[in-house]
Protein backbone atom coordinates (compact mmCIF):
# COMPACT_ATOMS: atom_id res chain seq x y z
CA UNK A 1 35.09 50.63 89.18
CA UNK A 2 33.78 48.48 86.34
CA UNK A 3 36.48 48.05 83.69
CA UNK A 4 33.82 47.53 80.99
CA UNK A 5 33.18 51.29 80.90
CA UNK A 6 36.60 51.77 79.27
CA UNK A 7 35.68 49.47 76.38
CA UNK A 8 32.03 50.43 75.98
CA UNK A 9 28.95 48.88 77.53
CA UNK A 10 28.98 45.35 78.93
CA UNK A 11 27.09 42.91 76.71
CA UNK A 12 25.78 39.39 77.14
CA UNK A 13 28.71 38.22 75.01
CA UNK A 14 31.21 39.47 77.66
CA UNK A 15 29.96 37.06 80.33
CA UNK A 16 31.42 33.66 81.19
CA UNK A 17 29.75 30.36 82.09
CA UNK A 18 27.73 30.63 85.30
CA UNK A 19 27.57 34.42 85.38
CA UNK A 20 24.26 36.22 85.76
CA UNK A 21 23.34 39.66 84.49
CA UNK A 22 20.37 41.97 84.19
CA UNK A 23 19.27 43.17 80.76
CA UNK A 24 19.72 46.94 80.43
CA UNK A 25 19.08 47.60 76.73
CA UNK A 26 18.59 45.84 73.39
CA UNK A 27 20.68 47.39 70.60
CA UNK A 28 18.91 45.69 67.72
CA UNK A 29 16.26 46.80 65.25
CA UNK A 30 13.37 45.37 63.33
CA UNK A 31 12.44 41.69 63.36
CA UNK A 32 15.55 40.65 65.28
CA UNK A 33 14.76 43.03 68.16
CA UNK A 34 11.17 41.75 68.20
CA UNK A 35 12.44 38.16 68.32
CA UNK A 36 14.75 38.93 71.27
CA UNK A 37 11.91 40.59 73.17
CA UNK A 38 9.60 37.64 72.47
CA UNK A 39 12.27 35.27 73.83
CA UNK A 40 12.26 37.22 77.12
CA UNK A 41 15.25 39.54 76.73
CA UNK A 42 13.43 42.58 78.14
CA UNK A 43 14.83 45.33 80.35
CA UNK A 44 15.30 44.16 83.94
CA UNK A 45 15.27 40.43 83.17
CA UNK A 46 17.99 38.26 84.73
CA UNK A 47 19.95 36.10 82.27
CA UNK A 48 22.40 33.31 83.18
CA UNK A 49 25.12 31.91 80.95
CA UNK A 50 24.62 28.12 80.95
CA UNK A 51 27.32 26.87 78.60
CA UNK A 52 29.31 27.49 75.46
CA UNK A 53 29.06 25.13 72.49
CA UNK A 54 32.20 23.04 71.77
CA UNK A 55 33.33 25.57 69.15
CA UNK A 56 32.33 28.50 71.43
CA UNK A 57 29.38 29.51 69.26
CA UNK A 58 26.47 29.57 69.98
CA UNK A 59 26.11 30.15 73.71
CA UNK A 60 23.25 28.77 75.78
CA UNK A 61 21.50 31.19 78.16
CA UNK A 62 18.69 30.79 80.65
CA UNK A 63 16.10 33.55 80.59
CA UNK A 64 12.75 33.39 82.40
CA UNK A 65 13.14 29.63 82.95
CA UNK A 66 13.83 28.86 79.28
CA UNK A 67 17.08 27.89 77.60
CA UNK A 68 17.95 30.01 74.57
CA UNK A 69 21.00 29.80 72.31
CA UNK A 70 22.43 32.95 70.74
CA UNK A 71 25.41 33.49 68.48
CA UNK A 72 28.12 35.88 69.67
CA UNK A 73 27.09 38.63 67.24
CA UNK A 74 23.51 38.38 68.54
CA UNK A 75 24.58 38.43 72.21
CA UNK A 76 26.64 41.57 71.55
CA UNK A 77 23.40 43.45 70.89
CA UNK A 78 22.16 42.94 74.47
CA UNK A 79 23.59 45.37 77.05
CA UNK A 80 23.69 44.04 80.61
CA UNK A 81 24.98 44.70 84.12
CA UNK A 82 26.40 41.89 86.26
CA UNK A 83 24.39 40.75 89.28
């Protein structure tokens, strides 16, 4: 049903403005993974895409009531499912 399964897992970077998703998995290691977890990107958390920067990078997300900006390569490390 979900076309994302043909191209691999859905990531935060695949979402568009206004979409919400639930964090499934963090595919990062070391200090960067720790930083993502500290910012609230933990399994089961709902994340909303707020807006893209004028040059499309970074992207602003809302997670646990906070606004966080991530670059595309960072957002690709966060697997999600749409809600």
